[in-house]
Every structure is written in structure tokens, then in C-alpha cells.
Protein backbone atom coordinates (compact mmCIF):
# COMPACT_ATOMS: atom_id res chain seq x y z
CA UNK A 1 28.48 -15.16 20.84
CA UNK A 2 29.93 -11.85 21.98
CA UNK A 3 27.67 -9.08 23.17
CA UNK A 4 28.84 -6.91 20.28
CA UNK A 5 27.37 -9.39 17.79
CA UNK A 6 24.20 -10.28 19.71
CA UNK A 7 21.04 -9.78 17.65
CA UNK A 8 19.14 -6.63 18.41
CA UNK A 9 16.01 -7.15 20.49
CA UNK A 10 12.79 -6.69 18.54
CA UNK A 11 9.93 -4.58 19.84
CA UNK A 12 6.97 -6.98 20.28
CA UNK A 13 4.15 -6.88 17.74
CA UNK A 14 1.61 -7.17 20.54
CA UNK A 15 3.02 -4.05 22.23
CA UNK A 16 2.31 -1.72 19.32
CA UNK A 17 -0.10 1.01 20.40
CA UNK A 18 -2.57 2.94 18.26
CA UNK A 19 -1.76 0.89 15.13
CA UNK A 20 -4.81 -1.37 14.84
CA UNK A 21 -5.34 -0.89 11.04
CA UNK A 22 -1.65 -1.56 10.35
CA UNK A 23 -1.58 -4.61 12.62
CA UNK A 24 -4.65 -6.05 10.91
CA UNK A 25 -3.21 -5.52 7.42
CA UNK A 26 0.10 -7.13 8.39
CA UNK A 27 -1.60 -10.13 9.98
CA UNK A 28 -3.78 -10.62 6.89
CA UNK A 29 -0.69 -10.60 4.65
CA UNK A 30 1.02 -13.02 7.03
CA UNK A 31 -1.89 -15.46 6.82
CA UNK A 32 -2.09 -15.21 3.02
CA UNK A 33 1.09 -13.79 1.41
CA UNK A 34 -0.68 -14.13 -1.94
CA UNK A 35 -2.61 -11.00 -1.04
CA UNK A 36 0.38 -9.18 -2.50
CA UNK A 37 1.97 -7.29 0.34
CA UNK A 38 1.23 -4.16 2.33
CA UNK A 39 2.10 -0.59 1.36
CA UNK A 40 2.48 1.63 4.42
CA UNK A 41 2.46 5.36 3.83
CA UNK A 42 3.16 7.87 6.55
CA UNK A 43 5.51 10.49 7.97
CA UNK A 44 8.76 9.70 9.74
CA UNK A 45 8.56 8.22 13.23
CA UNK A 46 5.23 6.40 12.86
CA UNK A 47 6.63 2.91 13.62
CA UNK A 48 6.62 1.63 10.04
CA UNK A 49 9.90 -0.29 10.29
CA UNK A 50 9.22 -1.28 13.91
CA UNK A 51 5.96 -2.97 12.90
CA UNK A 52 7.62 -4.76 9.97
CA UNK A 53 10.38 -6.21 12.17
CA UNK A 54 7.83 -7.17 14.80
CA UNK A 55 5.73 -9.11 12.29
CA UNK A 56 8.73 -11.12 11.05
CA UNK A 57 9.26 -12.48 14.54
CA UNK A 58 5.80 -14.09 14.44
CA UNK A 59 6.46 -16.05 11.23
CA UNK A 60 7.81 -19.62 11.09
CA UNK A 61 11.36 -18.78 10.02
CA UNK A 62 11.48 -15.30 11.50
CA UNK A 63 13.39 -14.02 8.48
CA UNK A 64 13.59 -10.25 8.12
CA UNK A 65 15.30 -9.15 4.90
CA UNK A 66 15.76 -5.52 3.89
CA UNK A 67 16.05 -4.39 0.29
CA UNK A 68 18.39 -1.39 0.19
CA UNK A 69 17.72 1.50 -2.15
CA UNK A 70 20.82 0.94 -4.26
CA UNK A 71 20.23 -2.78 -4.81
CA UNK A 72 20.64 -4.17 -8.31
CA UNK A 73 18.22 -6.57 -10.00
CA UNK A 74 20.76 -9.39 -9.63
CA UNK A 75 20.98 -8.82 -5.90
CA UNK A 76 17.20 -8.96 -5.67
CA UNK A 77 16.39 -12.01 -7.82
CA UNK A 78 19.74 -13.86 -7.75
CA UNK A 79 22.23 -14.82 -10.46
CA UNK A 80 23.11 -17.83 -12.59
CA UNK A 81 26.63 -19.01 -13.41
CA UNK A 82 26.33 -19.43 -17.18
CA UNK A 83 29.89 -20.70 -17.57
CA UNK A 84 29.24 -23.70 -15.32
CA UNK A 85 26.01 -24.43 -17.21
CA UNK A 86 27.90 -24.53 -20.51
CA UNK A 87 30.86 -26.44 -19.08
CA UNK A 88 29.15 -29.28 -17.21
CA UNK A 89 25.42 -28.77 -17.87
CA UNK A 90 24.81 -27.83 -14.24
CA UNK A 91 23.01 -24.73 -13.08
CA UNK A 92 24.80 -22.90 -10.33
CA UNK A 93 22.41 -20.44 -8.69
CA UNK A 94 23.47 -17.70 -6.31
CA UNK A 95 20.37 -16.76 -4.29
CA UNK A 96 19.25 -13.17 -4.03
CA UNK A 97 17.23 -11.37 -1.42
CA UNK A 98 13.98 -12.94 -2.65
CA UNK A 99 15.27 -16.40 -1.77
CA UNK A 100 16.55 -15.27 1.61
CA UNK A 101 13.17 -13.75 2.47
CA UNK A 102 11.30 -17.03 1.85
CA UNK A 103 8.80 -17.66 4.67
CA UNK A 104 9.68 -14.34 6.24
CA UNK A 105 9.34 -10.61 5.62
CA UNK A 106 10.90 -8.63 2.80
CA UNK A 107 11.01 -5.01 3.88
CA UNK A 108 11.45 -2.20 1.38
CA UNK A 109 11.87 1.22 2.92
CA UNK A 110 11.18 4.20 0.65
CA UNK A 111 9.78 1.90 -2.01
CA UNK A 112 8.66 4.98 -3.94
CA UNK A 113 12.31 5.80 -4.62
CA UNK A 114 13.19 2.42 -6.15
CA UNK A 115 13.42 2.02 -9.95
CA UNK A 116 10.05 0.99 -11.38
CA UNK A 117 11.48 -2.16 -12.99
CA UNK A 118 12.75 -3.37 -9.62
CA UNK A 119 9.41 -2.71 -7.90
CA UNK A 120 7.58 -4.48 -10.73
CA UNK A 121 9.73 -7.61 -10.40
CA UNK A 122 9.35 -7.53 -6.65
CA UNK A 123 5.56 -7.34 -6.80
CA UNK A 124 5.36 -10.15 -9.38
CA UNK A 125 7.14 -12.55 -7.05
CA UNK A 126 5.24 -11.36 -3.98
CA UNK A 127 1.93 -12.21 -5.67
CA UNK A 128 2.99 -15.54 -7.19
CA UNK A 129 5.29 -16.88 -4.48
CA UNK A 130 7.73 -18.09 -7.14
CA UNK A 131 10.90 -16.51 -8.49
CA UNK A 132 12.35 -17.46 -11.87
CA UNK A 133 15.80 -16.34 -12.98
CA UNK A 134 16.62 -16.59 -16.68
CA UNK A 135 19.95 -15.94 -18.38
CA UNK A 136 20.83 -16.85 -21.99
CA UNK A 137 18.30 -19.64 -22.25
CA UNK A 138 19.14 -21.09 -18.82
CA UNK A 139 16.60 -20.72 -16.01
CA UNK A 140 16.18 -21.56 -12.36
CA UNK A 141 12.97 -21.42 -10.32
CA UNK A 142 12.58 -21.42 -6.55
CA UNK A 143 9.86 -20.74 -3.98
CA UNK A 144 9.77 -17.21 -2.65
CA UNK A 145 6.74 -16.85 -0.41
CA UNK A 146 7.16 -13.85 1.83
CA UNK A 147 5.25 -10.94 3.29
CA UNK A 148 6.18 -7.87 1.31
CA UNK A 149 6.07 -4.64 3.30
CA UNK A 150 6.83 -1.44 1.44
CA UNK A 151 6.95 1.88 3.24
CA UNK A 152 7.04 5.41 1.93
CA UNK A 153 6.88 8.99 3.09
CA UNK A 154 4.53 10.83 0.69
CA UNK A 155 6.54 14.02 1.25
CA UNK A 156 9.41 12.39 -0.65
CA UNK A 157 7.41 11.50 -3.75
CA UNK A 158 4.58 9.21 -4.79
CA UNK A 159 4.68 5.71 -6.21
CA UNK A 160 3.34 5.38 -9.74
CA UNK A 161 -0.38 4.40 -9.72
CA UNK A 162 0.34 1.31 -11.82
CA UNK A 163 2.72 0.04 -9.13
CA UNK A 164 0.65 1.20 -6.16
CA UNK A 165 -2.26 -0.89 -7.42
CA UNK A 166 -0.05 -3.98 -7.38
CA UNK A 167 0.22 -3.86 -3.58
CA UNK A 168 -2.59 -5.89 -2.07
CA UNK A 169 -3.31 -3.65 0.92
CA UNK A 170 -2.44 -0.11 1.92
CA UNK A 171 -2.45 1.66 5.28
CA UNK A 172 -2.11 5.40 5.73
CA UNK A 173 -0.43 6.37 9.01
CA UNK A 174 -0.77 9.79 10.59
CA UNK A 175 1.08 11.60 13.34
CA UNK A 176 -0.55 10.99 16.72
CA UNK A 177 -1.90 14.11 18.41
CA UNK A 178 -4.02 12.36 21.04
CA UNK A 179 -2.24 13.04 24.36
CA UNK A 180 -3.01 9.76 26.16
CA UNK A 181 -2.11 7.57 23.19
CA UNK A 182 1.05 9.57 22.57
CA UNK A 183 2.11 9.18 26.21
CA UNK A 184 1.38 5.45 26.18
CA UNK A 185 3.56 4.98 23.08
CA UNK A 186 6.45 6.91 24.63
CA UNK A 187 6.19 5.03 27.94
CA UNK A 188 6.23 1.67 26.15
CA UNK A 189 9.26 2.65 24.10
CA UNK A 190 11.16 3.91 27.14
CA UNK A 191 10.38 0.70 29.05
CA UNK A 192 11.63 -1.39 26.10
CA UNK A 193 14.83 0.65 25.78
CA UNK A 194 15.47 0.45 29.53
CA UNK A 195 15.09 -3.34 29.81
CA UNK A 196 14.19 -5.08 26.55
CA UNK A 197 14.25 -8.57 28.07
CA UNK A 198 11.79 -7.70 30.83
CA UNK A 199 9.54 -5.80 28.45
CA UNK A 200 9.45 -8.70 25.99
CA UNK A 201 8.77 -11.17 28.80
CA UNK A 202 5.72 -9.16 29.84
CA UNK A 203 4.31 -9.59 26.31
CA UNK A 204 5.42 -13.19 25.74
CA UNK A 205 1.98 -14.72 26.23
CA UNK A 206 0.34 -12.38 23.73
CA UNK A 207 3.18 -12.96 21.27
CA UNK A 208 2.70 -16.72 21.52
CA UNK A 209 -1.03 -16.22 20.94
CA UNK A 210 -0.29 -14.30 17.70
CA UNK A 211 2.05 -17.05 16.49
CA UNK A 212 -0.61 -19.70 17.10
CA UNK A 213 -3.28 -17.50 15.52
CA UNK A 214 -1.30 -17.14 12.28
CA UNK A 215 -0.47 -20.85 12.18
CA UNK A 216 -4.09 -21.92 12.71
CA UNK A 217 -5.40 -19.33 10.25
CA UNK A 218 -3.10 -20.59 7.49
CA UNK A 219 -4.39 -24.10 8.05
CA UNK A 220 -8.01 -22.90 7.94
CA UNK A 221 -7.75 -20.90 4.70
CA UNK A 222 -8.42 -23.80 2.36
CA UNK A 223 -11.67 -24.68 4.14
CA UNK A 224 -13.29 -21.25 3.79
CA UNK A 225 -15.40 -20.32 0.77
CA UNK A 226 -17.48 -17.36 -0.37
CA UNK A 227 -21.25 -17.34 -0.79
CA UNK A 228 -23.16 -15.11 -3.20
CA UNK A 229 -23.78 -12.39 -0.60
CA UNK A 230 -20.03 -11.98 -0.07
CA UNK A 231 -19.37 -11.76 -3.81
CA UNK A 232 -22.20 -9.25 -4.16
CA UNK A 233 -20.80 -7.02 -1.40
CA UNK A 234 -17.31 -7.10 -2.88
CA UNK A 235 -18.63 -6.13 -6.32
CA UNK A 236 -20.74 -3.36 -4.83
CA UNK A 237 -17.82 -1.80 -2.97
CA UNK A 238 -15.38 -2.05 -5.88
CA UNK A 239 -17.85 -0.62 -8.41
CA UNK A 240 -18.72 2.22 -6.05
CA UNK A 241 -15.02 3.04 -5.67
CA UNK A 242 -14.52 3.08 -9.45
CA UNK A 243 -11.51 0.77 -9.33
CA UNK A 244 -9.65 -0.30 -12.46
CA UNK A 245 -9.77 -3.98 -13.38
CA UNK A 246 -10.60 -6.86 -11.05
CA UNK A 247 -7.52 -6.95 -8.81
CA UNK A 248 -9.37 -5.13 -6.02
CA UNK A 249 -12.17 -7.73 -6.06
CA UNK A 250 -9.74 -10.62 -5.83
CA UNK A 251 -7.65 -9.02 -3.08
CA UNK A 252 -10.75 -8.08 -1.09
CA UNK A 253 -12.00 -11.67 -1.20
CA UNK A 254 -8.62 -13.02 -0.11
CA UNK A 255 -8.29 -10.44 2.65
CA UNK A 256 -11.81 -11.16 3.95
CA UNK A 257 -11.03 -14.88 3.94
CA UNK A 258 -7.77 -14.29 5.82
CA UNK A 259 -9.62 -12.24 8.43
CA UNK A 260 -12.23 -14.97 8.84
CA UNK A 261 -9.42 -17.50 9.24
CA UNK A 262 -7.69 -15.36 11.85
CA UNK A 263 -10.90 -15.27 13.85
CA UNK A 264 -11.53 -19.00 13.28
CA UNK A 265 -14.93 -18.17 11.78
CA UNK A 266 -16.91 -20.92 10.11
CA UNK A 267 -17.45 -18.90 6.94
CA UNK A 268 -16.49 -15.64 5.28
CA UNK A 269 -19.17 -13.03 5.94
CA UNK A 270 -20.15 -9.63 4.61
CA UNK A 271 -18.85 -8.18 7.87
CA UNK A 272 -15.39 -9.54 7.12
CA UNK A 273 -15.54 -7.86 3.71
CA UNK A 274 -16.51 -4.51 5.23
CA UNK A 275 -13.68 -4.68 7.75
CA UNK A 276 -10.97 -5.17 5.11
CA UNK A 277 -12.45 -2.94 2.41
CA UNK A 278 -10.66 0.28 3.36
CA UNK A 279 -7.16 -1.20 3.18
CA UNK A 280 -8.02 -2.74 -0.21
CA UNK A 281 -9.57 0.39 -1.71
CA UNK A 282 -7.48 3.17 -0.16
CA UNK A 283 -4.93 3.22 -3.01
CA UNK A 284 -7.36 2.16 -5.74
CA UNK A 285 -10.33 4.41 -5.17
CA UNK A 286 -11.04 6.67 -8.14
CA UNK A 287 -14.10 8.45 -6.80
CA UNK A 288 -16.18 8.74 -3.65
CA UNK A 289 -18.44 5.74 -3.04
CA UNK A 290 -21.20 8.03 -1.74
CA UNK A 291 -21.56 9.55 -5.21
CA UNK A 292 -22.34 6.17 -6.71
CA UNK A 293 -25.24 5.72 -4.30
CA UNK A 294 -26.67 9.22 -4.72
CA UNK A 295 -30.22 9.51 -6.13
CA UNK A 296 -30.39 9.92 -9.88
CA UNK A 297 -31.88 13.42 -9.55
CA UNK A 298 -28.89 14.51 -7.50
CA UNK A 299 -26.52 13.51 -10.35
CA UNK A 300 -27.92 15.65 -13.15
CA UNK A 301 -25.77 17.00 -15.91
CA UNK A 302 -23.86 20.16 -14.91
CA UNK A 303 -25.66 21.96 -17.75
CA UNK A 304 -29.07 21.30 -16.20
CA UNK A 305 -30.62 24.56 -14.96
CA UNK A 306 -32.26 22.60 -12.13
CA UNK A 307 -28.92 21.42 -10.80
CA UNK A 308 -27.86 23.61 -7.85
CA UNK A 309 -24.27 22.48 -8.39
CA UNK A 310 -24.23 24.18 -11.79
CA UNK A 311 -25.30 27.46 -10.17
CA UNK A 312 -22.61 27.08 -7.53
CA UNK A 313 -20.07 26.30 -10.23
CA UNK A 314 -21.07 29.37 -12.24
CA UNK A 315 -20.88 31.52 -9.11
CA UNK A 316 -17.45 30.12 -8.26
CA UNK A 317 -16.30 30.80 -11.82
CA UNK A 318 -17.53 34.37 -11.64
CA UNK A 319 -15.80 34.90 -8.30
CA UNK A 320 -12.54 33.49 -9.63
CA UNK A 321 -12.71 36.03 -12.49
CA UNK A 322 -13.38 38.94 -10.16
CA UNK A 323 -12.55 42.25 -11.89
CA UNK A 324 -12.74 40.77 -15.39
CA UNK A 325 -14.59 42.79 -18.09
CA UNK A 326 -15.71 41.15 -21.33
CA UNK A 327 -14.18 42.55 -24.57
CA UNK A 328 -16.18 45.28 -26.32
CA UNK A 329 -15.80 46.58 -29.93
CA UNK A 330 -14.26 50.03 -30.24
CA UNK A 331 -13.90 52.39 -33.19
CA UNK A 332 -10.54 52.54 -34.94
CA UNK A 333 -8.97 55.52 -36.72
CA UNK A 334 -5.76 55.89 -38.69
CA UNK A 335 -3.45 58.67 -37.50
CA UNK A 336 -1.21 60.37 -40.00
CA UNK A 337 2.47 59.68 -39.68
CA UNK A 338 1.96 56.64 -37.46
CA UNK A 339 1.71 53.12 -38.77
CA UNK A 340 -1.12 51.12 -37.34
CA UNK A 341 -4.32 52.20 -35.70
CA UNK A 342 -5.35 53.31 -32.27
CA UNK A 343 -8.77 53.24 -30.62
CA UNK A 344 -10.82 56.43 -31.08
CA UNK A 345 -11.50 56.70 -27.41
CA UNK A 346 -7.78 56.71 -26.64
CA UNK A 347 -7.39 60.19 -28.27
CA UNK A 348 -6.69 62.98 -25.93
CA UNK A 349 -9.95 64.67 -25.15
């Protein structure tokens, strides 16, 4: 193979710096793709695509498939040759990107800019692991188990809440303003760019450990169950966050189980639940959990005169209407030769 066509070296997953929440979410989705993928939100230059490519290298097939913005539905799900089905009763299927991503990573950059119908179809397959293509009464089904990673820059528009909720986990990345961490990231990137082979060799042992960790965790998933204390903690957190439906509960249980499997724990614990809760609730939270645990007296009706918040609200309202005078009745008098009336106090004194 010529140097011009040599595959581009991938920055090692184990060499990512300052991305612990993202790394955990990606590993959980790798252990259990049924979690439903990871939505990564953050500004440009925060290693979103670098982390996605790095994860793919740890998976059995190492597939990394990118869904471009202008892709059609046929390119995503595949197509059927109806003429051949009618002619010789055979189904000729042309695989799409979902089939190519099987056992790997399907990466969708700027997922918030894709048509909603395309995102919806994508999330359906990511959660089920199966893709079905139907055309004129003819259908074809194939396995499509992959880790879905969608990234977005919130400055370029939000994803509809109905679609955001379909992602299993979400991580919010921020620009790094901690000098030592920032310097360490830059040094690692420069070392990789200078000699990728040497840099990757220095991380080979940790990479192999990640590969084995994912493989063993997948094997352990089926042997882990949830006791009543785990279910109780999941319900408590989801109710406190005011989530819609039960998807958050199911994802949180699966994510906690995946974390327990990664750590080769004997059982799923409440601690595992707490450690995955933020990535499950970040995009589903409808109100602050602390409000749900506030004493009853502290949550009185705004109309209650004993509620300090109502006084603050009234004060804020008054301040926002600074300079406003309430309407007052004034006398009216008809002036000859002029239609209409004018206030008495507007006459020249």
C-alpha cells in the first residue's frame, strides 16, 4: 500500500486528557450499545471527533463510519432492488451506512443540523440493534449494533427535545481554561503529530487494557442484576429531575450495569447509579433535583404572605416597572369646534 493511501493514525483513547466524563460515557455505550448512543455537546476544538475515532479502535471490528450532513435516507438505511424481487423472487439489498457501522462506531457530526426524520430513524436502530428496510411490500432485516456518537455545537442550534431524549447519554464539554491541563493536552497532541507511531507505542499497554476491559464487560453484562435499593435510587433520581416517561429509568439501569461490568463488580450498586446519573439526566432534567427535596414549608404557594419568595417576586416586579404610574381618572370636557374630548387638566392654565 502506498504511503498516500495509508490509513491515518488514530489518537489513542487512553491518551485523552481532561475528558473523564466523556470517556466514561463512551465506554458505557461500547459495553452496551443498547443504551442508545452518546450525544456530545460542546464548542469547536474540544476533541469530540478525536474521542469518537479513538473509541472505534477499541471495538472488535474497529469500524468508524461517518454520516455526512447531506446523506439521504437510502444512504443511511440501504436500498432494495424491487425489480429483481419481482423478476426472480430474490431480494437484492444494497447496504447503507447502518450496515457498515455494525460492531463499530457510527459518528454523526452536527447531528442537530440533520433532518428530524433521519435522526429519528438513526436513533431507532441504535436502540434496537436491528435495521429493517421496506419497499413496496418487500422487506429486508439485518443486524446493526453500533455505538452511536452524535456531536453538536450549541451555538449552531439545538436538537429538538423529543430527539435529544432518545440519546441514551449526554456529555457537555467546555473549553479548558486550567493552565496545566491545557498545556498537557497541547504537549500530547504535538508529540502525536511529531511521531504518531512512537506516541501510540507508548500507550499500547493501556489501549490493550481498554480492549480487554470492554470484551470482559460485555461478557459479564448478562450476569448482573438489580436489587430493590438500586431500583429505588433510580426512581428517586428520575422523579427528582422531573423527567418525562420511563426512558431515563431504563437507561440509568443499563448504564449502571455497564459501569459495574466495566469494573468487574459482583453486583450493580447504588454507587454505580450515582456515577452515571448525570450523563443520563443532563438532557432530560426538567427541574432542579434540590427543589424536590426541599421541606414542604419552603415550597409554599407564591400567593402565601409567609413565603419570602413572593415578597422578592413582588419587589422584583416593582423594580422592573420602575417609573410606572397607575392610571387615574381625569375630568373630561368638550371644546367647541373640536371633535372629541380632552382632559380638563390639559387646558392652558
